[in-house]
């Protein structure tokens, strides 16, 4: 149940909130769930077989894909919205996860999205 709460906080923050976090995700999770960060991180890794960080990155990249497909924001605006330090940081992380540049993805867009349940 705690794992689902962790996932829900992350998904809500990335996919459904435009609020800029003033703290990092680990502090945010600790505040929201009232558990020690080390405990949350260890439990999540043990149960899910991946780190909270990788889960967050996967969801951020899916959100980037969604925003690219909508074609309403520039890459700079998407980077700002999802708390990337720069467009280059977003592009590098996008390329690491997908194997594509954001602009190449934009050309292939309908074929590359996954449902949130499959992230």
PDB file of N, CA and C in Angstrom:
ATOM      1  N   UNK A   1       0.825  -1.193   0.000  1.00  0.00           N
ATOM      2  CA  UNK A   1       0.000   0.000   0.000  1.00  0.00           C
ATOM      3  C   UNK A   1       0.878   1.270   0.000  1.00  0.00           C
ATOM      4  N   UNK A   2       1.975   1.240   0.740  1.00  0.00           N
ATOM      5  CA  UNK A   2       2.872   2.385   0.773  1.00  0.00           C
ATOM      6  C   UNK A   2       3.528   2.602  -0.596  1.00  0.00           C
ATOM      7  N   UNK A   3       3.832   1.513  -1.280  1.00  0.00           N
ATOM      8  CA  UNK A   3       4.419   1.622  -2.626  1.00  0.00           C
ATOM      9  C   UNK A   3       3.449   2.349  -3.553  1.00  0.00           C
ATOM     10  N   UNK A   4       2.175   1.990  -3.479  1.00  0.00           N
ATOM     11  CA  UNK A   4       1.165   2.659  -4.307  1.00  0.00           C
ATOM     12  C   UNK A   4       1.064   4.146  -3.963  1.00  0.00           C
ATOM     13  N   UNK A   5       1.193   4.467  -2.689  1.00  0.00           N
ATOM     14  CA  UNK A   5       1.164   5.875  -2.286  1.00  0.00           C
ATOM     15  C   UNK A   5       2.356   6.633  -2.876  1.00  0.00           C
ATOM     16  N   UNK A   6       3.538   5.996  -2.824  1.00  0.00           N
ATOM     17  CA  UNK A   6       4.735   6.615  -3.412  1.00  0.00           C
ATOM     18  C   UNK A   6       4.494   6.875  -4.892  1.00  0.00           C
ATOM     19  N   UNK A   7       4.015   5.850  -5.595  1.00  0.00           N
ATOM     20  CA  UNK A   7       3.755   5.985  -7.036  1.00  0.00           C
ATOM     21  C   UNK A   7       2.742   7.085  -7.310  1.00  0.00           C
ATOM     22  N   UNK A   8       1.680   7.114  -6.523  1.00  0.00           N
ATOM     23  CA  UNK A   8       0.631   8.116  -6.734  1.00  0.00           C
ATOM     24  C   UNK A   8       1.138   9.537  -6.514  1.00  0.00           C
ATOM     25  N   UNK A   9       1.966   9.745  -5.502  1.00  0.00           N
ATOM     26  CA  UNK A   9       2.530  11.076  -5.248  1.00  0.00           C
ATOM     27  C   UNK A   9       3.405  11.502  -6.426  1.00  0.00           C
ATOM     28  N   UNK A  10       4.223  10.577  -6.917  1.00  0.00           N
ATOM     29  CA  UNK A  10       5.104  10.885  -8.046  1.00  0.00           C
ATOM     30  C   UNK A  10       4.291  11.182  -9.300  1.00  0.00           C
ATOM     31  N   UNK A  11       3.349  10.311  -9.619  1.00  0.00           N
ATOM     32  CA  UNK A  11       2.526  10.484 -10.824  1.00  0.00           C
ATOM     33  C   UNK A  11       1.730  11.776 -10.756  1.00  0.00           C
ATOM     34  N   UNK A  12       1.136  12.050  -9.611  1.00  0.00           N
ATOM     35  CA  UNK A  12       0.356  13.281  -9.463  1.00  0.00           C
ATOM     36  C   UNK A  12       1.245  14.503  -9.666  1.00  0.00           C
ATOM     37  N   UNK A  13       2.414  14.478  -9.090  1.00  0.00           N
ATOM     38  CA  UNK A  13       3.332  15.612  -9.194  1.00  0.00           C
ATOM     39  C   UNK A  13       3.799  15.838 -10.631  1.00  0.00           C
ATOM     40  N   UNK A  14       4.102  14.756 -11.343  1.00  0.00           N
ATOM     41  CA  UNK A  14       4.646  14.886 -12.697  1.00  0.00           C
ATOM     42  C   UNK A  14       3.562  15.110 -13.742  1.00  0.00           C
ATOM     43  N   UNK A  15       2.486  14.371 -13.654  1.00  0.00           N
ATOM     44  CA  UNK A  15       1.479  14.381 -14.717  1.00  0.00           C
ATOM     45  C   UNK A  15       0.317  15.353 -14.489  1.00  0.00           C
ATOM     46  N   UNK A  16       0.039  15.691 -13.241  1.00  0.00           N
ATOM     47  CA  UNK A  16      -1.186  16.452 -12.989  1.00  0.00           C
ATOM     48  C   UNK A  16      -0.987  17.763 -12.242  1.00  0.00           C
ATOM     49  N   UNK A  17       0.238  18.136 -11.967  1.00  0.00           N
ATOM     50  CA  UNK A  17       0.477  19.368 -11.227  1.00  0.00           C
ATOM     51  C   UNK A  17       1.396  20.293 -12.014  1.00  0.00           C
ATOM     52  N   UNK A  18       1.040  21.548 -12.047  1.00  0.00           N
ATOM     53  CA  UNK A  18       1.897  22.542 -12.686  1.00  0.00           C
ATOM     54  C   UNK A  18       2.714  23.294 -11.639  1.00  0.00           C
ATOM     55  N   UNK A  19       2.559  22.899 -10.381  1.00  0.00           N
ATOM     56  CA  UNK A  19       3.244  23.553  -9.278  1.00  0.00           C
ATOM     57  C   UNK A  19       4.741  23.234  -9.310  1.00  0.00           C
ATOM     58  N   UNK A  20       5.554  24.257  -9.205  1.00  0.00           N
ATOM     59  CA  UNK A  20       7.006  24.075  -9.160  1.00  0.00           C
ATOM     60  C   UNK A  20       7.396  23.629  -7.756  1.00  0.00           C
ATOM     61  N   UNK A  21       8.060  22.487  -7.650  1.00  0.00           N
ATOM     62  CA  UNK A  21       8.545  22.034  -6.351  1.00  0.00           C
ATOM     63  C   UNK A  21       9.726  22.899  -5.925  1.00  0.00           C
ATOM     64  N   UNK A  22       9.719  23.315  -4.695  1.00  0.00           N
ATOM     65  CA  UNK A  22      10.821  24.112  -4.163  1.00  0.00           C
ATOM     66  C   UNK A  22      11.870  23.238  -3.479  1.00  0.00           C
ATOM     67  N   UNK A  23      11.573  21.942  -3.372  1.00  0.00           N
ATOM     68  CA  UNK A  23      12.478  20.978  -2.745  1.00  0.00           C
ATOM     69  C   UNK A  23      12.641  19.798  -3.688  1.00  0.00           C
ATOM     70  N   UNK A  24      13.619  18.939  -3.428  1.00  0.00           N
ATOM     71  CA  UNK A  24      13.800  17.791  -4.312  1.00  0.00           C
ATOM     72  C   UNK A  24      12.754  16.712  -4.016  1.00  0.00           C
ATOM     73  N   UNK A  25      12.649  15.739  -4.906  1.00  0.00           N
ATOM     74  CA  UNK A  25      11.596  14.728  -4.794  1.00  0.00           C
ATOM     75  C   UNK A  25      11.703  13.910  -3.513  1.00  0.00           C
ATOM     76  N   UNK A  26      12.907  13.590  -3.078  1.00  0.00           N
ATOM     77  CA  UNK A  26      13.039  12.777  -1.861  1.00  0.00           C
ATOM     78  C   UNK A  26      12.461  13.521  -0.655  1.00  0.00           C
ATOM     79  N   UNK A  27      12.750  14.809  -0.538  1.00  0.00           N
ATOM     80  CA  UNK A  27      12.181  15.608   0.543  1.00  0.00           C
ATOM     81  C   UNK A  27      10.664  15.721   0.404  1.00  0.00           C
ATOM     82  N   UNK A  28      10.205  15.885  -0.825  1.00  0.00           N
ATOM     83  CA  UNK A  28       8.775  15.991  -1.103  1.00  0.00           C
ATOM     84  C   UNK A  28       8.046  14.715  -0.669  1.00  0.00           C
ATOM     85  N   UNK A  29       8.606  13.554  -1.035  1.00  0.00           N
ATOM     86  CA  UNK A  29       8.005  12.274  -0.633  1.00  0.00           C
ATOM     87  C   UNK A  29       7.994  12.116   0.882  1.00  0.00           C
ATOM     88  N   UNK A  30       9.091  12.484   1.521  1.00  0.00           N
ATOM     89  CA  UNK A  30       9.188  12.395   2.976  1.00  0.00           C
ATOM     90  C   UNK A  30       8.112  13.248   3.636  1.00  0.00           C
ATOM     91  N   UNK A  31       7.936  14.463   3.144  1.00  0.00           N
ATOM     92  CA  UNK A  31       6.911  15.359   3.699  1.00  0.00           C
ATOM     93  C   UNK A  31       5.506  14.836   3.463  1.00  0.00           C
ATOM     94  N   UNK A  32       5.242  14.379   2.230  1.00  0.00           N
ATOM     95  CA  UNK A  32       3.893  13.921   1.868  1.00  0.00           C
ATOM     96  C   UNK A  32       3.494  12.647   2.601  1.00  0.00           C
ATOM     97  N   UNK A  33       4.445  11.730   2.791  1.00  0.00           N
ATOM     98  CA  UNK A  33       4.113  10.406   3.317  1.00  0.00           C
ATOM     99  C   UNK A  33       4.530  10.190   4.772  1.00  0.00           C
ATOM    100  N   UNK A  34       5.260  11.140   5.334  1.00  0.00           N
ATOM    101  CA  UNK A  34       5.708  11.049   6.730  1.00  0.00           C
ATOM    102  C   UNK A  34       6.508   9.793   7.044  1.00  0.00           C
ATOM    103  N   UNK A  35       7.399   9.454   6.121  1.00  0.00           N
ATOM    104  CA  UNK A  35       8.340   8.345   6.335  1.00  0.00           C
ATOM    105  C   UNK A  35       9.735   8.844   5.989  1.00  0.00           C
ATOM    106  N   UNK A  36      10.729   8.225   6.593  1.00  0.00           N
ATOM    107  CA  UNK A  36      12.116   8.537   6.304  1.00  0.00           C
ATOM    108  C   UNK A  36      12.438   8.202   4.848  1.00  0.00           C
ATOM    109  N   UNK A  37      13.204   9.050   4.187  1.00  0.00           N
ATOM    110  CA  UNK A  37      13.538   8.850   2.784  1.00  0.00           C
ATOM    111  C   UNK A  37      14.271   7.528   2.546  1.00  0.00           C
ATOM    112  N   UNK A  38      15.207   7.186   3.410  1.00  0.00           N
ATOM    113  CA  UNK A  38      15.963   5.935   3.238  1.00  0.00           C
ATOM    114  C   UNK A  38      15.025   4.733   3.304  1.00  0.00           C
ATOM    115  N   UNK A  39      14.070   4.764   4.215  1.00  0.00           N
ATOM    116  CA  UNK A  39      13.094   3.680   4.326  1.00  0.00           C
ATOM    117  C   UNK A  39      12.262   3.579   3.046  1.00  0.00           C
ATOM    118  N   UNK A  40      11.767   4.711   2.564  1.00  0.00           N
ATOM    119  CA  UNK A  40      10.959   4.714   1.337  1.00  0.00           C
ATOM    120  C   UNK A  40      11.768   4.192   0.153  1.00  0.00           C
ATOM    121  N   UNK A  41      13.001   4.661   0.020  1.00  0.00           N
ATOM    122  CA  UNK A  41      13.856   4.264  -1.102  1.00  0.00           C
ATOM    123  C   UNK A  41      14.161   2.771  -1.062  1.00  0.00           C
ATOM    124  N   UNK A  42      14.514   2.248   0.113  1.00  0.00           N
ATOM    125  CA  UNK A  42      14.824   0.821   0.241  1.00  0.00           C
ATOM    126  C   UNK A  42      13.604  -0.048  -0.022  1.00  0.00           C
ATOM    127  N   UNK A  43      12.472   0.325   0.545  1.00  0.00           N
ATOM    128  CA  UNK A  43      11.246  -0.437   0.348  1.00  0.00           C
ATOM    129  C   UNK A  43      10.843  -0.449  -1.125  1.00  0.00           C
ATOM    130  N   UNK A  44      10.890   0.713  -1.754  1.00  0.00           N
ATOM    131  CA  UNK A  44      10.508   0.821  -3.161  1.00  0.00           C
ATOM    132  C   UNK A  44      11.412  -0.045  -4.033  1.00  0.00           C
ATOM    133  N   UNK A  45      12.703   0.046  -3.819  1.00  0.00           N
ATOM    134  CA  UNK A  45      13.663  -0.739  -4.615  1.00  0.00           C
ATOM    135  C   UNK A  45      13.451  -2.235  -4.421  1.00  0.00           C
ATOM    136  N   UNK A  46      13.221  -2.629  -3.178  1.00  0.00           N
ATOM    137  CA  UNK A  46      13.028  -4.042  -2.872  1.00  0.00           C
ATOM    138  C   UNK A  46      11.774  -4.594  -3.537  1.00  0.00           C
ATOM    139  N   UNK A  47      10.698  -3.855  -3.482  1.00  0.00           N
ATOM    140  CA  UNK A  47       9.412  -4.331  -4.014  1.00  0.00           C
ATOM    141  C   UNK A  47       9.332  -4.172  -5.538  1.00  0.00           C
ATOM    142  N   UNK A  48       9.790  -3.038  -6.055  1.00  0.00           N
ATOM    143  CA  UNK A  48       9.627  -2.733  -7.476  1.00  0.00           C
ATOM    144  C   UNK A  48      10.802  -3.160  -8.350  1.00  0.00           C
ATOM    145  N   UNK A  49      11.947  -3.423  -7.755  1.00  0.00           N
ATOM    146  CA  UNK A  49      13.112  -3.810  -8.538  1.00  0.00           C
ATOM    147  C   UNK A  49      13.734  -2.659  -9.314  1.00  0.00           C
ATOM    148  N   UNK A  50      13.388  -1.451  -8.944  1.00  0.00           N
ATOM    149  CA  UNK A  50      13.956  -0.241  -9.539  1.00  0.00           C
ATOM    150  C   UNK A  50      13.980   0.834  -8.468  1.00  0.00           C
ATOM    151  N   UNK A  51      14.762   1.854  -8.695  1.00  0.00           N
ATOM    152  CA  UNK A  51      14.841   2.927  -7.702  1.00  0.00           C
ATOM    153  C   UNK A  51      13.713   3.932  -7.917  1.00  0.00           C
ATOM    154  N   UNK A  52      13.448   4.701  -6.886  1.00  0.00           N
ATOM    155  CA  UNK A  52      12.473   5.789  -7.012  1.00  0.00           C
ATOM    156  C   UNK A  52      12.945   6.761  -8.092  1.00  0.00           C
ATOM    157  N   UNK A  53      14.241   7.015  -8.130  1.00  0.00           N
ATOM    158  CA  UNK A  53      14.794   7.933  -9.127  1.00  0.00           C
ATOM    159  C   UNK A  53      14.490   7.461 -10.550  1.00  0.00           C
ATOM    160  N   UNK A  54      14.695   6.176 -10.820  1.00  0.00           N
ATOM    161  CA  UNK A  54      14.410   5.652 -12.158  1.00  0.00           C
ATOM    162  C   UNK A  54      12.909   5.700 -12.474  1.00  0.00           C
ATOM    163  N   UNK A  55      12.090   5.460 -11.464  1.00  0.00           N
ATOM    164  CA  UNK A  55      10.642   5.556 -11.643  1.00  0.00           C
ATOM    165  C   UNK A  55      10.253   6.989 -11.999  1.00  0.00           C
ATOM    166  N   UNK A  56      10.842   7.950 -11.302  1.00  0.00           N
ATOM    167  CA  UNK A  56      10.568   9.370 -11.571  1.00  0.00           C
ATOM    168  C   UNK A  56      11.022   9.732 -12.983  1.00  0.00           C
ATOM    169  N   UNK A  57      12.217   9.316 -13.357  1.00  0.00           N
ATOM    170  CA  UNK A  57      12.740   9.625 -14.689  1.00  0.00           C
ATOM    171  C   UNK A  57      11.835   9.030 -15.767  1.00  0.00           C
ATOM    172  N   UNK A  58      11.409   7.786 -15.582  1.00  0.00           N
ATOM    173  CA  UNK A  58      10.525   7.141 -16.562  1.00  0.00           C
ATOM    174  C   UNK A  58       9.239   7.940 -16.741  1.00  0.00           C
ATOM    175  N   UNK A  59       8.685   8.414 -15.643  1.00  0.00           N
ATOM    176  CA  UNK A  59       7.445   9.185 -15.737  1.00  0.00           C
ATOM    177  C   UNK A  59       7.679  10.575 -16.316  1.00  0.00           C
ATOM    178  N   UNK A  60       8.795  11.175 -15.991  1.00  0.00           N
ATOM    179  CA  UNK A  60       9.102  12.480 -16.574  1.00  0.00           C
ATOM    180  C   UNK A  60       9.254  12.359 -18.090  1.00  0.00           C
ATOM    181  N   UNK A  61       9.911  11.316 -18.541  1.00  0.00           N
ATOM    182  CA  UNK A  61      10.089  11.129 -19.984  1.00  0.00           C
ATOM    183  C   UNK A  61       8.747  10.860 -20.655  1.00  0.00           C
ATOM    184  N   UNK A  62       7.878  10.086 -20.030  1.00  0.00           N
ATOM    185  CA  UNK A  62       6.540   9.877 -20.601  1.00  0.00           C
ATOM    186  C   UNK A  62       5.766  11.184 -20.676  1.00  0.00           C
ATOM    187  N   UNK A  63       5.927  12.030 -19.668  1.00  0.00           N
ATOM    188  CA  UNK A  63       5.261  13.336 -19.683  1.00  0.00           C
ATOM    189  C   UNK A  63       5.847  14.214 -20.783  1.00  0.00           C
ATOM    190  N   UNK A  64       7.166  14.160 -20.962  1.00  0.00           N
ATOM    191  CA  UNK A  64       7.805  14.900 -22.055  1.00  0.00           C
ATOM    192  C   UNK A  64       7.226  14.432 -23.383  1.00  0.00           C
ATOM    193  N   UNK A  65       7.109  13.130 -23.565  1.00  0.00           N
ATOM    194  CA  UNK A  65       6.531  12.591 -24.802  1.00  0.00           C
ATOM    195  C   UNK A  65       5.126  13.132 -25.021  1.00  0.00           C
ATOM    196  N   UNK A  66       4.337  13.115 -23.971  1.00  0.00           N
ATOM    197  CA  UNK A  66       2.964  13.606 -24.060  1.00  0.00           C
ATOM    198  C   UNK A  66       2.940  15.071 -24.481  1.00  0.00           C
ATOM    199  N   UNK A  67       3.779  15.879 -23.871  1.00  0.00           N
ATOM    200  CA  UNK A  67       3.818  17.309 -24.198  1.00  0.00           C
ATOM    201  C   UNK A  67       4.352  17.559 -25.599  1.00  0.00           C
ATOM    202  N   UNK A  68       5.288  16.730 -26.050  1.00  0.00           N
ATOM    203  CA  UNK A  68       5.788  16.849 -27.428  1.00  0.00           C
ATOM    204  C   UNK A  68       4.658  16.539 -28.405  1.00  0.00           C
ATOM    205  N   UNK A  69       3.900  15.488 -28.114  1.00  0.00           N
ATOM    206  CA  UNK A  69       2.791  15.093 -28.992  1.00  0.00           C
ATOM    207  C   UNK A  69       1.731  16.192 -29.053  1.00  0.00           C
ATOM    208  N   UNK A  70       1.439  16.821 -27.906  1.00  0.00           N
ATOM    209  CA  UNK A  70       0.455  17.914 -27.899  1.00  0.00           C
ATOM    210  C   UNK A  70       0.914  19.083 -28.755  1.00  0.00           C
ATOM    211  N   UNK A  71       2.215  19.268 -28.881  1.00  0.00           N
ATOM    212  CA  UNK A  71       2.799  20.290 -29.740  1.00  0.00           C
ATOM    213  C   UNK A  71       2.338  21.704 -29.391  1.00  0.00           C
ATOM    214  N   UNK A  72       2.125  21.961 -28.090  1.00  0.00           N
ATOM    215  CA  UNK A  72       1.702  23.285 -27.657  1.00  0.00           C
ATOM    216  C   UNK A  72       2.831  24.064 -26.987  1.00  0.00           C
ATOM    217  N   UNK A  73       3.867  23.355 -26.526  1.00  0.00           N
ATOM    218  CA  UNK A  73       4.966  23.988 -25.816  1.00  0.00           C
ATOM    219  C   UNK A  73       6.283  23.734 -26.544  1.00  0.00           C
ATOM    220  N   UNK A  74       7.187  24.679 -26.415  1.00  0.00           N
ATOM    221  CA  UNK A  74       8.532  24.468 -26.963  1.00  0.00           C
ATOM    222  C   UNK A  74       9.285  23.525 -26.023  1.00  0.00           C
ATOM    223  N   UNK A  75      10.401  23.020 -26.480  1.00  0.00           N
ATOM    224  CA  UNK A  75      11.210  22.139 -25.648  1.00  0.00           C
ATOM    225  C   UNK A  75      11.720  22.886 -24.410  1.00  0.00           C
ATOM    226  N   UNK A  76      12.024  24.153 -24.552  1.00  0.00           N
ATOM    227  CA  UNK A  76      12.462  24.966 -23.410  1.00  0.00           C
ATOM    228  C   UNK A  76      11.343  25.076 -22.374  1.00  0.00           C
ATOM    229  N   UNK A  77      10.114  25.274 -22.831  1.00  0.00           N
ATOM    230  CA  UNK A  77       8.974  25.363 -21.914  1.00  0.00           C
ATOM    231  C   UNK A  77       8.711  24.017 -21.234  1.00  0.00           C
ATOM    232  N   UNK A  78       8.869  22.936 -21.974  1.00  0.00           N
ATOM    233  CA  UNK A  78       8.700  21.597 -21.398  1.00  0.00           C
ATOM    234  C   UNK A  78       9.778  21.355 -20.339  1.00  0.00           C
ATOM    235  N   UNK A  79      11.016  21.728 -20.641  1.00  0.00           N
ATOM    236  CA  UNK A  79      12.116  21.558 -19.682  1.00  0.00           C
ATOM    237  C   UNK A  79      11.819  22.320 -18.395  1.00  0.00           C
ATOM    238  N   UNK A  80      11.357  23.548 -18.512  1.00  0.00           N
ATOM    239  CA  UNK A  80      11.034  24.348 -17.334  1.00  0.00           C
ATOM    240  C   UNK A  80       9.875  23.727 -16.555  1.00  0.00           C
ATOM    241  N   UNK A  81       8.840  23.325 -17.257  1.00  0.00           N
ATOM    242  CA  UNK A  81       7.643  22.760 -16.633  1.00  0.00           C
ATOM    243  C   UNK A  81       7.956  21.502 -15.831  1.00  0.00           C
ATOM    244  N   UNK A  82       8.906  20.711 -16.309  1.00  0.00           N
ATOM    245  CA  UNK A  82       9.232  19.445 -15.646  1.00  0.00           C
ATOM    246  C   UNK A  82      10.505  19.532 -14.811  1.00  0.00           C
ATOM    247  N   UNK A  83      10.935  20.761 -14.508  1.00  0.00           N
ATOM    248  CA  UNK A  83      12.025  21.012 -13.567  1.00  0.00           C
ATOM    249  C   UNK A  83      13.386  20.503 -14.035  1.00  0.00           C
ATOM    250  N   UNK A  84      13.623  20.515 -15.333  1.00  0.00           N
ATOM    251  CA  UNK A  84      14.969  20.199 -15.833  1.00  0.00           C
ATOM    252  C   UNK A  84      15.802  21.460 -15.735  1.00  0.00           C
ATOM    253  N   UNK A  85      17.085  21.294 -15.491  1.00  0.00           N
ATOM    254  CA  UNK A  85      17.969  22.454 -15.357  1.00  0.00           C
ATOM    255  C   UNK A  85      18.198  23.155 -16.691  1.00  0.00           C
ATOM    256  N   UNK A  86      18.033  22.414 -17.798  1.00  0.00           N
ATOM    257  CA  UNK A  86      18.226  23.003 -19.124  1.00  0.00           C
ATOM    258  C   UNK A  86      17.599  22.099 -20.183  1.00  0.00           C
ATOM    259  N   UNK A  87      17.477  22.630 -21.387  1.00  0.00           N
ATOM    260  CA  UNK A  87      16.992  21.837 -22.514  1.00  0.00           C
ATOM    261  C   UNK A  87      17.981  20.716 -22.814  1.00  0.00           C
ATOM    262  N   UNK A  88      19.259  21.001 -22.661  1.00  0.00           N
ATOM    263  CA  UNK A  88      20.289  19.982 -22.915  1.00  0.00           C
ATOM    264  C   UNK A  88      20.138  18.807 -21.943  1.00  0.00           C
ATOM    265  N   UNK A  89      19.866  19.111 -20.674  1.00  0.00           N
ATOM    266  CA  UNK A  89      19.658  18.047 -19.678  1.00  0.00           C
ATOM    267  C   UNK A  89      18.457  17.196 -20.062  1.00  0.00           C
ATOM    268  N   UNK A  90      17.350  17.840 -20.405  1.00  0.00           N
ATOM    269  CA  UNK A  90      16.159  17.106 -20.849  1.00  0.00           C
ATOM    270  C   UNK A  90      16.494  16.252 -22.067  1.00  0.00           C
ATOM    271  N   UNK A  91      17.133  16.827 -23.058  1.00  0.00           N
ATOM    272  CA  UNK A  91      17.446  16.108 -24.301  1.00  0.00           C
ATOM    273  C   UNK A  91      18.351  14.917 -24.046  1.00  0.00           C
ATOM    274  N   UNK A  92      19.362  15.099 -23.194  1.00  0.00           N
ATOM    275  CA  UNK A  92      20.268  13.992 -22.880  1.00  0.00           C
ATOM    276  C   UNK A  92      19.546  12.863 -22.155  1.00  0.00           C
ATOM    277  N   UNK A  93      18.713  13.212 -21.185  1.00  0.00           N
ATOM    278  CA  UNK A  93      17.973  12.183 -20.465  1.00  0.00           C
ATOM    279  C   UNK A  93      16.963  11.497 -21.390  1.00  0.00           C
ATOM    280  N   UNK A  94      16.315  12.252 -22.228  1.00  0.00           N
ATOM    281  CA  UNK A  94      15.352  11.702 -23.191  1.00  0.00           C
ATOM    282  C   UNK A  94      16.051  10.703 -24.106  1.00  0.00           C
ATOM    283  N   UNK A  95      17.229  11.073 -24.597  1.00  0.00           N
ATOM    284  CA  UNK A  95      17.982  10.206 -25.500  1.00  0.00           C
ATOM    285  C   UNK A  95      18.440   8.928 -24.789  1.00  0.00           C
ATOM    286  N   UNK A  96      18.873   9.053 -23.528  1.00  0.00           N
ATOM    287  CA  UNK A  96      19.300   7.878 -22.757  1.00  0.00           C
ATOM    288  C   UNK A  96      18.151   6.887 -22.572  1.00  0.00           C
ATOM    289  N   UNK A  97      16.971   7.402 -22.288  1.00  0.00           N
ATOM    290  CA  UNK A  97      15.816   6.542 -21.994  1.00  0.00           C
ATOM    291  C   UNK A  97      15.193   5.975 -23.260  1.00  0.00           C
ATOM    292  N   UNK A  98      15.040   6.806 -24.284  1.00  0.00           N
ATOM    293  CA  UNK A  98      14.295   6.376 -25.478  1.00  0.00           C
ATOM    294  C   UNK A  98      15.185   5.961 -26.644  1.00  0.00           C
ATOM    295  N   UNK A  99      16.425   6.424 -26.641  1.00  0.00           N
ATOM    296  CA  UNK A  99      17.304   6.171 -27.782  1.00  0.00           C
ATOM    297  C   UNK A  99      17.085   7.154 -28.917  1.00  0.00           C
ATOM    298  N   UNK A 100      16.228   8.133 -28.690  1.00  0.00           N
ATOM    299  CA  UNK A 100      15.895   9.130 -29.714  1.00  0.00           C
ATOM    300  C   UNK A 100      16.092  10.528 -29.168  1.00  0.00           C
ATOM    301  N   UNK A 101      16.323  11.468 -30.053  1.00  0.00           N
ATOM    302  CA  UNK A 101      16.297  12.865 -29.643  1.00  0.00           C
ATOM    303  C   UNK A 101      14.830  13.296 -29.580  1.00  0.00           C
ATOM    304  N   UNK A 102      14.523  14.326 -28.814  1.00  0.00           N
ATOM    305  CA  UNK A 102      13.135  14.801 -28.783  1.00  0.00           C
ATOM    306  C   UNK A 102      12.599  15.162 -30.175  1.00  0.00           C
ATOM    307  N   UNK A 103      13.437  15.771 -31.020  1.00  0.00           N
ATOM    308  CA  UNK A 103      12.959  16.151 -32.353  1.00  0.00           C
ATOM    309  C   UNK A 103      12.690  14.921 -33.220  1.00  0.00           C
ATOM    310  N   UNK A 104      13.530  13.894 -33.103  1.00  0.00           N
ATOM    311  CA  UNK A 104      13.280  12.662 -33.850  1.00  0.00           C
ATOM    312  C   UNK A 104      12.003  11.991 -33.343  1.00  0.00           C
ATOM    313  N   UNK A 105      11.820  11.986 -32.015  1.00  0.00           N
ATOM    314  CA  UNK A 105      10.595  11.429 -31.446  1.00  0.00           C
ATOM    315  C   UNK A 105       9.363  12.141 -31.999  1.00  0.00           C
ATOM    316  N   UNK A 106       9.463  13.458 -32.112  1.00  0.00           N
ATOM    317  CA  UNK A 106       8.330  14.254 -32.590  1.00  0.00           C
ATOM    318  C   UNK A 106       7.885  13.797 -33.976  1.00  0.00           C
ATOM    319  N   UNK A 107       8.839  13.364 -34.798  1.00  0.00           N
ATOM    320  CA  UNK A 107       8.506  12.873 -36.134  1.00  0.00           C
ATOM    321  C   UNK A 107       7.796  11.514 -36.080  1.00  0.00           C
ATOM    322  N   UNK A 108       8.086  10.726 -35.034  1.00  0.00           N
ATOM    323  CA  UNK A 108       7.513   9.386 -34.896  1.00  0.00           C
ATOM    324  C   UNK A 108       6.374   9.328 -33.887  1.00  0.00           C
ATOM    325  N   UNK A 109       5.988  10.435 -33.323  1.00  0.00           N
ATOM    326  CA  UNK A 109       5.192  10.537 -32.108  1.00  0.00           C
ATOM    327  C   UNK A 109       4.070   9.532 -31.874  1.00  0.00           C
ATOM    328  N   UNK A 110       3.182   9.228 -32.792  1.00  0.00           N
ATOM    329  CA  UNK A 110       2.070   8.346 -32.410  1.00  0.00           C
ATOM    330  C   UNK A 110       2.501   6.917 -32.028  1.00  0.00           C
ATOM    331  N   UNK A 111       3.638   6.483 -32.490  1.00  0.00           N
ATOM    332  CA  UNK A 111       4.064   5.105 -32.266  1.00  0.00           C
ATOM    333  C   UNK A 111       4.805   4.892 -30.956  1.00  0.00           C
ATOM    334  N   UNK A 112       5.267   5.951 -30.300  1.00  0.00           N
ATOM    335  CA  UNK A 112       6.213   5.806 -29.201  1.00  0.00           C
ATOM    336  C   UNK A 112       5.644   5.955 -27.793  1.00  0.00           C
ATOM    337  N   UNK A 113       4.399   6.302 -27.600  1.00  0.00           N
ATOM    338  CA  UNK A 113       3.866   6.509 -26.251  1.00  0.00           C
ATOM    339  C   UNK A 113       3.476   5.192 -25.625  1.00  0.00           C
ATOM    340  N   UNK A 114       3.671   5.103 -24.309  1.00  0.00           N
ATOM    341  CA  UNK A 114       3.218   3.962 -23.516  1.00  0.00           C
ATOM    342  C   UNK A 114       2.157   4.452 -22.562  1.00  0.00           C
ATOM    343  N   UNK A 115       1.282   3.543 -22.173  1.00  0.00           N
ATOM    344  CA  UNK A 115       0.300   3.931 -21.157  1.00  0.00           C
ATOM    345  C   UNK A 115       1.005   4.055 -19.822  1.00  0.00           C
ATOM    346  N   UNK A 116       0.449   4.828 -18.908  1.00  0.00           N
ATOM    347  CA  UNK A 116       1.060   5.040 -17.616  1.00  0.00           C
ATOM    348  C   UNK A 116       1.232   3.738 -16.852  1.00  0.00           C
ATOM    349  N   UNK A 117       0.332   2.790 -17.041  1.00  0.00           N
ATOM    350  CA  UNK A 117       0.417   1.508 -16.345  1.00  0.00           C
ATOM    351  C   UNK A 117       1.635   0.702 -16.806  1.00  0.00           C
ATOM    352  N   UNK A 118       2.145   0.987 -17.987  1.00  0.00           N
ATOM    353  CA  UNK A 118       3.278   0.241 -18.515  1.00  0.00           C
ATOM    354  C   UNK A 118       4.616   0.937 -18.311  1.00  0.00           C
ATOM    355  N   UNK A 119       4.619   2.038 -17.588  1.00  0.00           N
ATOM    356  CA  UNK A 119       5.874   2.765 -17.345  1.00  0.00           C
ATOM    357  C   UNK A 119       6.628   2.055 -16.234  1.00  0.00           C
TER     358      UNK A 119
END
